[in-house]
Amino acid sequence: MSARRFFRKLAGRKITGLYELSTPEIHRTVLGAIEGSGQQLRGNCLDIGSGGGQLLRLIAARYSLTPYACDYINGLIETPGQKVDLVDLNREPLPYPDNHFGLVTCIETIEHLENFRAVIREVYRVVEPGGLAVISTPNILNLRSRLRFFSSGFYNLFGPLAPEESRVPGPRGHITPVNWFYLAHALVSAGFQNVRATVDKYQRRSIPAFVLFAIPIRLMSRAVNRRDTIKYKTLNEENLWAVRRMNSRDLLLGRTLIVTATKPE
């Protein structure tokens, strides 16, 4: 490890001994995605897996929304006076009424959960009509991650699990890899619309592989998509938009996947 990387890790990437669950780059991209959605946000906002509360503070600085935080423990929050509602998302629903939030964020959280689809349905329930949901998770489709899977069977930021792994916070607690298509499918199946994807930054280590493999991947994917359309009949106009995004430049190079979706009015 270079000295630069060592001191970056040392300088403030921990919270009370636990790895921070998000980064400033992710927060900036989330804020940009919220602004780019064009939604008129009002009322309440909820951050699921709120951690130290950094994202809620950034949102509060830009929007007149009443902040709510929820997490599995309350010892991480750094915002004075901010209440944290405790919930075990593997076993419990969100402790809020239907249609209660104009904005719900769930950042770097679903990869720590046993059933992310159940949480997506809960997010849909508590978002008000016309409201916005923003969800992020490690982008396992970037080329660095694909090459690691090719060599080891594990995606980047996911690896062998101990039996108690689901109770470990931070990167070691990643138990559920979710790629763009299955996250988009879960959102649409729950009832969301206008599902859009972006990434926080490009990984420099993926760029050489992109130069070598981007065109062959896209050519081979055409053959696979044709088979899925004709033989298996699993690809059609309803999901083609999401499948085509799988091999986009953003997803082949991006580090973190950030997805926005709106609840119909």
C-alpha atoms as a PDB file:
ATOM      1  CA  MET A   1       0.000   0.000   0.000  1.00  0.00           C
ATOM      2  CA  SER A   2       1.338   3.461  -0.895  1.00  0.00           C
ATOM      3  CA  ALA A   3       1.936   6.067   1.804  1.00  0.00           C
ATOM      4  CA  ARG A   4      -0.792   8.233   0.293  1.00  0.00           C
ATOM      5  CA  ARG A   5      -3.408   5.500   0.506  1.00  0.00           C
ATOM      6  CA  PHE A   6      -2.291   4.608   4.039  1.00  0.00           C
ATOM      7  CA  PHE A   7      -2.737   8.144   5.365  1.00  0.00           C
ATOM      8  CA  ARG A   8      -6.067   8.544   3.581  1.00  0.00           C
ATOM      9  CA  LYS A   9      -7.344   5.453   5.367  1.00  0.00           C
ATOM     10  CA  LEU A  10      -5.929   6.685   8.649  1.00  0.00           C
ATOM     11  CA  ALA A  11      -7.404  10.177   8.414  1.00  0.00           C
ATOM     12  CA  GLY A  12     -11.024   9.938   9.443  1.00  0.00           C
ATOM     13  CA  ARG A  13     -12.461   6.928   7.657  1.00  0.00           C
ATOM     14  CA  LYS A  14     -13.601   5.381  10.957  1.00  0.00           C
ATOM     15  CA  ILE A  15     -16.456   6.131  13.334  1.00  0.00           C
ATOM     16  CA  THR A  16     -16.125   4.841  16.899  1.00  0.00           C
ATOM     17  CA  GLY A  17     -13.932   2.026  15.689  1.00  0.00           C
ATOM     18  CA  LEU A  18     -16.198   1.036  12.788  1.00  0.00           C
ATOM     19  CA  TYR A  19     -15.519   1.693   9.134  1.00  0.00           C
ATOM     20  CA  GLU A  20     -17.548   4.576   7.742  1.00  0.00           C
ATOM     21  CA  LEU A  21     -20.329   3.176   5.586  1.00  0.00           C
ATOM     22  CA  SER A  22     -20.196   5.911   2.961  1.00  0.00           C
ATOM     23  CA  THR A  23     -17.758   8.457   1.491  1.00  0.00           C
ATOM     24  CA  PRO A  24     -17.827  12.154   0.554  1.00  0.00           C
ATOM     25  CA  GLU A  25     -17.828  11.181  -3.150  1.00  0.00           C
ATOM     26  CA  ILE A  26     -20.939   9.066  -2.663  1.00  0.00           C
ATOM     27  CA  HIS A  27     -22.651  11.848  -0.703  1.00  0.00           C
ATOM     28  CA  ARG A  28     -21.879  14.407  -3.420  1.00  0.00           C
ATOM     29  CA  THR A  29     -23.270  12.115  -6.101  1.00  0.00           C
ATOM     30  CA  VAL A  30     -26.385  11.393  -4.043  1.00  0.00           C
ATOM     31  CA  LEU A  31     -27.016  15.131  -3.637  1.00  0.00           C
ATOM     32  CA  GLY A  32     -26.502  15.608  -7.367  1.00  0.00           C
ATOM     33  CA  ALA A  33     -28.913  12.769  -8.121  1.00  0.00           C
ATOM     34  CA  ILE A  34     -31.539  14.303  -5.835  1.00  0.00           C
ATOM     35  CA  GLU A  35     -31.181  17.673  -7.532  1.00  0.00           C
ATOM     36  CA  GLY A  36     -31.152  16.085 -10.997  1.00  0.00           C
ATOM     37  CA  SER A  37     -34.373  14.185 -10.339  1.00  0.00           C
ATOM     38  CA  GLY A  38     -36.368  17.404 -10.645  1.00  0.00           C
ATOM     39  CA  GLN A  39     -38.676  16.330  -7.798  1.00  0.00           C
ATOM     40  CA  GLN A  40     -40.252  19.004  -5.611  1.00  0.00           C
ATOM     41  CA  LEU A  41     -39.278  17.666  -2.205  1.00  0.00           C
ATOM     42  CA  ARG A  42     -41.409  18.486   0.804  1.00  0.00           C
ATOM     43  CA  GLY A  43     -42.256  17.292   4.277  1.00  0.00           C
ATOM     44  CA  ASN A  44     -40.039  14.646   5.831  1.00  0.00           C
ATOM     45  CA  CYS A  45     -36.878  12.849   4.743  1.00  0.00           C
ATOM     46  CA  LEU A  46     -35.540   9.530   6.017  1.00  0.00           C
ATOM     47  CA  ASP A  47     -32.012   8.154   5.860  1.00  0.00           C
ATOM     48  CA  ILE A  48     -31.949   4.365   6.314  1.00  0.00           C
ATOM     49  CA  GLY A  49     -28.629   3.208   7.742  1.00  0.00           C
ATOM     50  CA  SER A  50     -27.921   6.771   8.822  1.00  0.00           C
ATOM     51  CA  GLY A  51     -24.527   6.102  10.452  1.00  0.00           C
ATOM     52  CA  GLY A  52     -22.965   9.332  11.664  1.00  0.00           C
ATOM     53  CA  GLY A  53     -25.693  11.451  10.052  1.00  0.00           C
ATOM     54  CA  GLN A  54     -23.418  13.128   7.498  1.00  0.00           C
ATOM     55  CA  LEU A  55     -25.846  12.727   4.610  1.00  0.00           C
ATOM     56  CA  LEU A  56     -28.823  13.999   6.614  1.00  0.00           C
ATOM     57  CA  ARG A  57     -26.852  17.120   7.521  1.00  0.00           C
ATOM     58  CA  LEU A  58     -25.984  17.743   3.870  1.00  0.00           C
ATOM     59  CA  ILE A  59     -29.611  17.294   2.825  1.00  0.00           C
ATOM     60  CA  ALA A  60     -30.823  19.597   5.617  1.00  0.00           C
ATOM     61  CA  ALA A  61     -28.440  22.295   4.391  1.00  0.00           C
ATOM     62  CA  ARG A  62     -30.089  22.241   0.947  1.00  0.00           C
ATOM     63  CA  TYR A  63     -33.734  21.355   1.524  1.00  0.00           C
ATOM     64  CA  SER A  64     -36.416  22.326   4.031  1.00  0.00           C
ATOM     65  CA  LEU A  65     -37.163  18.768   5.101  1.00  0.00           C
ATOM     66  CA  THR A  66     -37.661  17.313   8.570  1.00  0.00           C
ATOM     67  CA  PRO A  67     -34.901  14.702   9.036  1.00  0.00           C
ATOM     68  CA  TYR A  68     -35.492  11.187  10.327  1.00  0.00           C
ATOM     69  CA  ALA A  69     -32.701   8.688  10.924  1.00  0.00           C
ATOM     70  CA  CYS A  70     -32.870   4.946  11.402  1.00  0.00           C
ATOM     71  CA  ASP A  71     -30.167   2.362  11.971  1.00  0.00           C
ATOM     72  CA  TYR A  72     -29.575  -0.866  13.827  1.00  0.00           C
ATOM     73  CA  ILE A  73     -27.684   0.977  16.598  1.00  0.00           C
ATOM     74  CA  ASN A  74     -27.792   4.591  17.777  1.00  0.00           C
ATOM     75  CA  GLY A  75     -24.172   5.031  18.848  1.00  0.00           C
ATOM     76  CA  LEU A  76     -22.920   6.312  15.489  1.00  0.00           C
ATOM     77  CA  ILE A  77     -24.926   9.509  15.088  1.00  0.00           C
ATOM     78  CA  GLU A  78     -22.860  12.702  15.382  1.00  0.00           C
ATOM     79  CA  THR A  79     -25.670  15.258  15.010  1.00  0.00           C
ATOM     80  CA  PRO A  80     -26.720  16.719  18.377  1.00  0.00           C
ATOM     81  CA  GLY A  81     -30.405  16.202  19.054  1.00  0.00           C
ATOM     82  CA  GLN A  82     -30.992  13.871  16.095  1.00  0.00           C
ATOM     83  CA  LYS A  83     -33.135  10.932  17.159  1.00  0.00           C
ATOM     84  CA  VAL A  84     -32.254   7.552  15.666  1.00  0.00           C
ATOM     85  CA  ASP A  85     -35.064   5.018  15.314  1.00  0.00           C
ATOM     86  CA  LEU A  86     -33.712   1.518  15.881  1.00  0.00           C
ATOM     87  CA  VAL A  87     -34.786  -1.208  13.475  1.00  0.00           C
ATOM     88  CA  ASP A  88     -33.457  -4.628  12.465  1.00  0.00           C
ATOM     89  CA  LEU A  89     -34.213  -4.560   8.751  1.00  0.00           C
ATOM     90  CA  ASN A  90     -33.610  -8.293   8.461  1.00  0.00           C
ATOM     91  CA  ARG A  91     -36.571  -8.946  10.751  1.00  0.00           C
ATOM     92  CA  GLU A  92     -38.651  -5.797  11.157  1.00  0.00           C
ATOM     93  CA  PRO A  93     -40.492  -3.330   8.926  1.00  0.00           C
ATOM     94  CA  LEU A  94     -39.639   0.344   8.946  1.00  0.00           C
ATOM     95  CA  PRO A  95     -41.274   1.938  12.019  1.00  0.00           C
ATOM     96  CA  TYR A  96     -43.146   4.624  10.062  1.00  0.00           C
ATOM     97  CA  PRO A  97     -46.642   5.070   8.609  1.00  0.00           C
ATOM     98  CA  ASP A  98     -47.443   4.788   4.922  1.00  0.00           C
ATOM     99  CA  ASN A  99     -46.702   7.729   2.606  1.00  0.00           C
ATOM    100  CA  HIS A 100     -44.747   9.614   5.275  1.00  0.00           C
ATOM    101  CA  PHE A 101     -41.608  10.844   3.466  1.00  0.00           C
ATOM    102  CA  GLY A 102     -40.949  13.032   0.458  1.00  0.00           C
ATOM    103  CA  LEU A 103     -37.409  11.649   0.282  1.00  0.00           C
ATOM    104  CA  VAL A 104     -35.910   8.341   1.434  1.00  0.00           C
ATOM    105  CA  THR A 105     -32.200   7.581   1.117  1.00  0.00           C
ATOM    106  CA  CYS A 106     -30.670   4.167   1.714  1.00  0.00           C
ATOM    107  CA  ILE A 107     -26.943   4.552   1.139  1.00  0.00           C
ATOM    108  CA  GLU A 108     -24.450   1.666   1.338  1.00  0.00           C
ATOM    109  CA  THR A 109     -26.941  -0.436   3.295  1.00  0.00           C
ATOM    110  CA  ILE A 110     -28.701  -3.071   1.180  1.00  0.00           C
ATOM    111  CA  GLU A 111     -25.486  -5.079   0.734  1.00  0.00           C
ATOM    112  CA  HIS A 112     -25.533  -5.653   4.513  1.00  0.00           C
ATOM    113  CA  LEU A 113     -29.052  -7.151   4.478  1.00  0.00           C
ATOM    114  CA  GLU A 114     -30.402 -10.641   3.963  1.00  0.00           C
ATOM    115  CA  ASN A 115     -33.431  -9.586   1.872  1.00  0.00           C
ATOM    116  CA  PHE A 116     -32.960  -6.316   0.056  1.00  0.00           C
ATOM    117  CA  ARG A 117     -36.220  -6.714  -1.886  1.00  0.00           C
ATOM    118  CA  ALA A 118     -38.248  -6.631   1.324  1.00  0.00           C
ATOM    119  CA  VAL A 119     -36.534  -3.355   2.238  1.00  0.00           C
ATOM    120  CA  ILE A 120     -37.285  -1.910  -1.211  1.00  0.00           C
ATOM    121  CA  ARG A 121     -40.961  -2.710  -0.676  1.00  0.00           C
ATOM    122  CA  GLU A 122     -40.803  -0.992   2.711  1.00  0.00           C
ATOM    123  CA  VAL A 123     -39.176   2.052   1.132  1.00  0.00           C
ATOM    124  CA  TYR A 124     -42.005   2.197  -1.403  1.00  0.00           C
ATOM    125  CA  ARG A 125     -44.577   1.972   1.394  1.00  0.00           C
ATOM    126  CA  VAL A 126     -43.204   4.909   3.374  1.00  0.00           C
ATOM    127  CA  VAL A 127     -42.463   7.211   0.409  1.00  0.00           C
ATOM    128  CA  GLU A 128     -45.342   9.545  -0.350  1.00  0.00           C
ATOM    129  CA  PRO A 129     -46.810   9.692  -3.884  1.00  0.00           C
ATOM    130  CA  GLY A 130     -44.530  11.851  -5.968  1.00  0.00           C
ATOM    131  CA  GLY A 131     -41.666  11.235  -3.549  1.00  0.00           C
ATOM    132  CA  LEU A 132     -38.118  10.164  -4.320  1.00  0.00           C
ATOM    133  CA  ALA A 133     -36.020   7.181  -3.237  1.00  0.00           C
ATOM    134  CA  VAL A 134     -32.220   7.084  -3.584  1.00  0.00           C
ATOM    135  CA  ILE A 135     -30.353   3.824  -3.025  1.00  0.00           C
ATOM    136  CA  SER A 136     -26.664   3.039  -3.369  1.00  0.00           C
ATOM    137  CA  THR A 137     -24.601  -0.132  -3.220  1.00  0.00           C
ATOM    138  CA  PRO A 138     -21.151  -1.259  -4.432  1.00  0.00           C
ATOM    139  CA  ASN A 139     -21.149  -1.579  -8.221  1.00  0.00           C
ATOM    140  CA  ILE A 140     -20.238  -5.212  -8.772  1.00  0.00           C
ATOM    141  CA  LEU A 141     -20.467  -4.763 -12.557  1.00  0.00           C
ATOM    142  CA  ASN A 142     -17.320  -2.660 -12.891  1.00  0.00           C
ATOM    143  CA  LEU A 143     -14.514  -4.422 -14.734  1.00  0.00           C
ATOM    144  CA  ARG A 144     -12.275  -4.675 -11.702  1.00  0.00           C
ATOM    145  CA  SER A 145     -15.058  -6.554  -9.913  1.00  0.00           C
ATOM    146  CA  ARG A 146     -15.824  -8.735 -12.951  1.00  0.00           C
ATOM    147  CA  LEU A 147     -12.188  -9.743 -13.256  1.00  0.00           C
ATOM    148  CA  ARG A 148     -12.008 -10.570  -9.567  1.00  0.00           C
ATOM    149  CA  PHE A 149     -15.110 -12.743  -9.951  1.00  0.00           C
ATOM    150  CA  PHE A 150     -13.533 -14.445 -12.955  1.00  0.00           C
ATOM    151  CA  SER A 151     -10.426 -15.323 -10.936  1.00  0.00           C
ATOM    152  CA  SER A 152     -11.860 -16.013  -7.478  1.00  0.00           C
ATOM    153  CA  GLY A 153     -15.640 -16.339  -7.683  1.00  0.00           C
ATOM    154  CA  PHE A 154     -16.043 -13.274  -5.443  1.00  0.00           C
ATOM    155  CA  TYR A 155     -17.021  -9.751  -6.481  1.00  0.00           C
ATOM    156  CA  ASN A 156     -14.976  -6.761  -5.419  1.00  0.00           C
ATOM    157  CA  LEU A 157     -15.852  -5.718  -1.825  1.00  0.00           C
ATOM    158  CA  PHE A 158     -17.465  -9.126  -1.287  1.00  0.00           C
ATOM    159  CA  GLY A 159     -15.612 -12.189  -0.124  1.00  0.00           C
ATOM    160  CA  PRO A 160     -15.679 -15.265   2.104  1.00  0.00           C
ATOM    161  CA  LEU A 161     -18.089 -14.966   5.034  1.00  0.00           C
ATOM    162  CA  ALA A 162     -17.793 -16.219   8.587  1.00  0.00           C
ATOM    163  CA  PRO A 163     -21.030 -17.619  10.105  1.00  0.00           C
ATOM    164  CA  GLU A 164     -21.561 -14.419  12.128  1.00  0.00           C
ATOM    165  CA  GLU A 165     -20.693 -12.114   9.207  1.00  0.00           C
ATOM    166  CA  SER A 166     -24.132 -10.493   8.920  1.00  0.00           C
ATOM    167  CA  ARG A 167     -23.564  -8.872  12.337  1.00  0.00           C
ATOM    168  CA  VAL A 168     -20.258  -7.244  11.360  1.00  0.00           C
ATOM    169  CA  PRO A 169     -20.541  -3.563  10.306  1.00  0.00           C
ATOM    170  CA  GLY A 170     -18.405  -2.004   7.603  1.00  0.00           C
ATOM    171  CA  PRO A 171     -17.061  -3.613   4.405  1.00  0.00           C
ATOM    172  CA  ARG A 172     -16.666  -7.006   6.101  1.00  0.00           C
ATOM    173  CA  GLY A 173     -20.432  -7.056   6.608  1.00  0.00           C
ATOM    174  CA  HIS A 174     -21.201  -7.148   2.876  1.00  0.00           C
ATOM    175  CA  ILE A 175     -23.335 -10.266   2.544  1.00  0.00           C
ATOM    176  CA  THR A 176     -25.582  -9.532  -0.467  1.00  0.00           C
ATOM    177  CA  PRO A 177     -24.122  -8.419  -3.802  1.00  0.00           C
ATOM    178  CA  VAL A 178     -26.791  -6.633  -5.866  1.00  0.00           C
ATOM    179  CA  ASN A 179     -26.157  -5.578  -9.432  1.00  0.00           C
ATOM    180  CA  TRP A 180     -27.893  -2.812 -11.362  1.00  0.00           C
ATOM    181  CA  PHE A 181     -30.451  -5.028 -13.088  1.00  0.00           C
ATOM    182  CA  TYR A 182     -31.730  -6.734  -9.945  1.00  0.00           C
ATOM    183  CA  LEU A 183     -31.915  -3.459  -8.034  1.00  0.00           C
ATOM    184  CA  ALA A 184     -33.838  -1.835 -10.900  1.00  0.00           C
ATOM    185  CA  HIS A 185     -36.093  -4.898 -11.137  1.00  0.00           C
ATOM    186  CA  ALA A 186     -36.823  -4.739  -7.400  1.00  0.00           C
ATOM    187  CA  LEU A 187     -37.699  -1.048  -7.618  1.00  0.00           C
ATOM    188  CA  VAL A 188     -40.008  -1.474 -10.608  1.00  0.00           C
ATOM    189  CA  SER A 189     -41.622  -4.570  -9.069  1.00  0.00           C
ATOM    190  CA  ALA A 190     -42.329  -2.580  -5.893  1.00  0.00           C
ATOM    191  CA  GLY A 191     -44.109   0.070  -7.969  1.00  0.00           C
ATOM    192  CA  PHE A 192     -41.454   2.734  -8.539  1.00  0.00           C
ATOM    193  CA  GLN A 193     -40.968   4.471 -11.865  1.00  0.00           C
ATOM    194  CA  ASN A 194     -38.341   6.706 -13.503  1.00  0.00           C
ATOM    195  CA  VAL A 195     -35.539   4.399 -12.320  1.00  0.00           C
ATOM    196  CA  ARG A 196     -32.162   5.914 -13.157  1.00  0.00           C
ATOM    197  CA  ALA A 197     -28.567   4.954 -12.419  1.00  0.00           C
ATOM    198  CA  THR A 198     -25.350   6.864 -11.949  1.00  0.00           C
ATOM    199  CA  VAL A 199     -21.982   6.206 -10.287  1.00  0.00           C
ATOM    200  CA  ASP A 200     -19.912   8.215  -7.843  1.00  0.00           C
ATOM    201  CA  LYS A 201     -16.565   7.968  -9.659  1.00  0.00           C
ATOM    202  CA  TYR A 202     -14.670   5.927 -12.217  1.00  0.00           C
ATOM    203  CA  GLN A 203     -12.119   3.434 -10.922  1.00  0.00           C
ATOM    204  CA  ARG A 204      -8.734   4.047 -12.502  1.00  0.00           C
ATOM    205  CA  ARG A 205      -7.867   0.368 -12.162  1.00  0.00           C
ATOM    206  CA  SER A 206     -10.799  -0.511 -14.412  1.00  0.00           C
ATOM    207  CA  ILE A 207      -9.715   1.750 -17.266  1.00  0.00           C
ATOM    208  CA  PRO A 208      -7.065  -0.579 -18.827  1.00  0.00           C
ATOM    209  CA  ALA A 209      -9.567  -3.454 -18.745  1.00  0.00           C
ATOM    210  CA  PHE A 210     -12.189  -1.187 -20.319  1.00  0.00           C
ATOM    211  CA  VAL A 211      -9.871  -0.471 -23.243  1.00  0.00           C
ATOM    212  CA  LEU A 212      -9.284  -4.192 -23.751  1.00  0.00           C
ATOM    213  CA  PHE A 213     -12.684  -5.682 -23.038  1.00  0.00           C
ATOM    214  CA  ALA A 214     -15.461  -3.115 -23.553  1.00  0.00           C
ATOM    215  CA  ILE A 215     -16.052  -3.901 -27.240  1.00  0.00           C
ATOM    216  CA  PRO A 216     -15.814  -7.713 -26.905  1.00  0.00           C
ATOM    217  CA  ILE A 217     -18.197  -7.598 -23.917  1.00  0.00           C
ATOM    218  CA  ARG A 218     -20.770  -5.615 -25.865  1.00  0.00           C
ATOM    219  CA  LEU A 219     -20.493  -7.876 -28.915  1.00  0.00           C
ATOM    220  CA  MET A 220     -20.925 -10.998 -26.807  1.00  0.00           C
ATOM    221  CA  SER A 221     -23.796  -9.448 -24.886  1.00  0.00           C
ATOM    222  CA  ARG A 222     -25.688  -8.967 -28.151  1.00  0.00           C
ATOM    223  CA  ALA A 223     -25.544 -12.700 -28.779  1.00  0.00           C
ATOM    224  CA  VAL A 224     -26.630 -13.444 -25.218  1.00  0.00           C
ATOM    225  CA  ASN A 225     -29.482 -10.935 -25.422  1.00  0.00           C
ATOM    226  CA  ARG A 226     -30.648 -12.454 -28.703  1.00  0.00           C
ATOM    227  CA  ARG A 227     -30.765 -15.895 -27.068  1.00  0.00           C
ATOM    228  CA  ASP A 228     -32.637 -14.511 -24.060  1.00  0.00           C
ATOM    229  CA  THR A 229     -35.133 -12.851 -26.401  1.00  0.00           C
ATOM    230  CA  ILE A 230     -35.757 -15.712 -28.823  1.00  0.00           C
ATOM    231  CA  LYS A 231     -35.067 -18.914 -26.906  1.00  0.00           C
ATOM    232  CA  TYR A 232     -35.827 -18.136 -23.266  1.00  0.00           C
ATOM    233  CA  LYS A 233     -38.202 -15.185 -23.873  1.00  0.00           C
ATOM    234  CA  THR A 234     -36.925 -13.425 -20.733  1.00  0.00           C
ATOM    235  CA  LEU A 235     -35.887 -10.236 -22.519  1.00  0.00           C
ATOM    236  CA  ASN A 236     -38.462  -7.874 -23.996  1.00  0.00           C
ATOM    237  CA  GLU A 237     -39.349  -4.194 -24.212  1.00  0.00           C
ATOM    238  CA  GLU A 238     -40.271  -4.132 -20.529  1.00  0.00           C
ATOM    239  CA  ASN A 239     -36.759  -4.903 -19.292  1.00  0.00           C
ATOM    240  CA  LEU A 240     -34.500  -4.183 -22.284  1.00  0.00           C
ATOM    241  CA  TRP A 241     -33.716  -0.687 -20.988  1.00  0.00           C
ATOM    242  CA  ALA A 242     -32.231  -2.137 -17.802  1.00  0.00           C
ATOM    243  CA  VAL A 243     -30.323  -4.930 -19.561  1.00  0.00           C
ATOM    244  CA  ARG A 244     -28.719  -2.507 -22.002  1.00  0.00           C
ATOM    245  CA  ARG A 245     -27.449  -0.421 -19.081  1.00  0.00           C
ATOM    246  CA  MET A 246     -25.497  -3.415 -17.706  1.00  0.00           C
ATOM    247  CA  ASN A 247     -22.558  -2.852 -20.064  1.00  0.00           C
ATOM    248  CA  SER A 248     -22.647   0.933 -20.183  1.00  0.00           C
ATOM    249  CA  ARG A 249     -19.432   2.872 -19.630  1.00  0.00           C
ATOM    250  CA  ASP A 250     -20.631   4.066 -16.221  1.00  0.00           C
ATOM    251  CA  LEU A 251     -21.258   0.552 -14.950  1.00  0.00           C
ATOM    252  CA  LEU A 252     -18.100  -0.896 -16.475  1.00  0.00           C
ATOM    253  CA  LEU A 253     -15.981   1.765 -14.781  1.00  0.00           C
ATOM    254  CA  GLY A 254     -17.986   3.097 -11.826  1.00  0.00           C
ATOM    255  CA  ARG A 255     -17.149   2.334  -8.209  1.00  0.00           C
ATOM    256  CA  THR A 256     -20.512   2.825  -6.475  1.00  0.00           C
ATOM    257  CA  LEU A 257     -23.962   2.434  -8.003  1.00  0.00           C
ATOM    258  CA  ILE A 258     -26.483   5.148  -7.083  1.00  0.00           C
ATOM    259  CA  VAL A 259     -30.079   4.667  -8.225  1.00  0.00           C
ATOM    260  CA  THR A 260     -33.013   7.068  -8.014  1.00  0.00           C
ATOM    261  CA  ALA A 261     -36.686   6.215  -8.431  1.00  0.00           C
ATOM    262  CA  THR A 262     -39.992   8.006  -7.910  1.00  0.00           C
ATOM    263  CA  LYS A 263     -43.300   6.822  -6.516  1.00  0.00           C
ATOM    264  CA  PRO A 264     -46.215   7.539  -8.885  1.00  0.00           C
ATOM    265  CA  GLU A 265     -48.583  10.304  -7.815  1.00  0.00           C
END
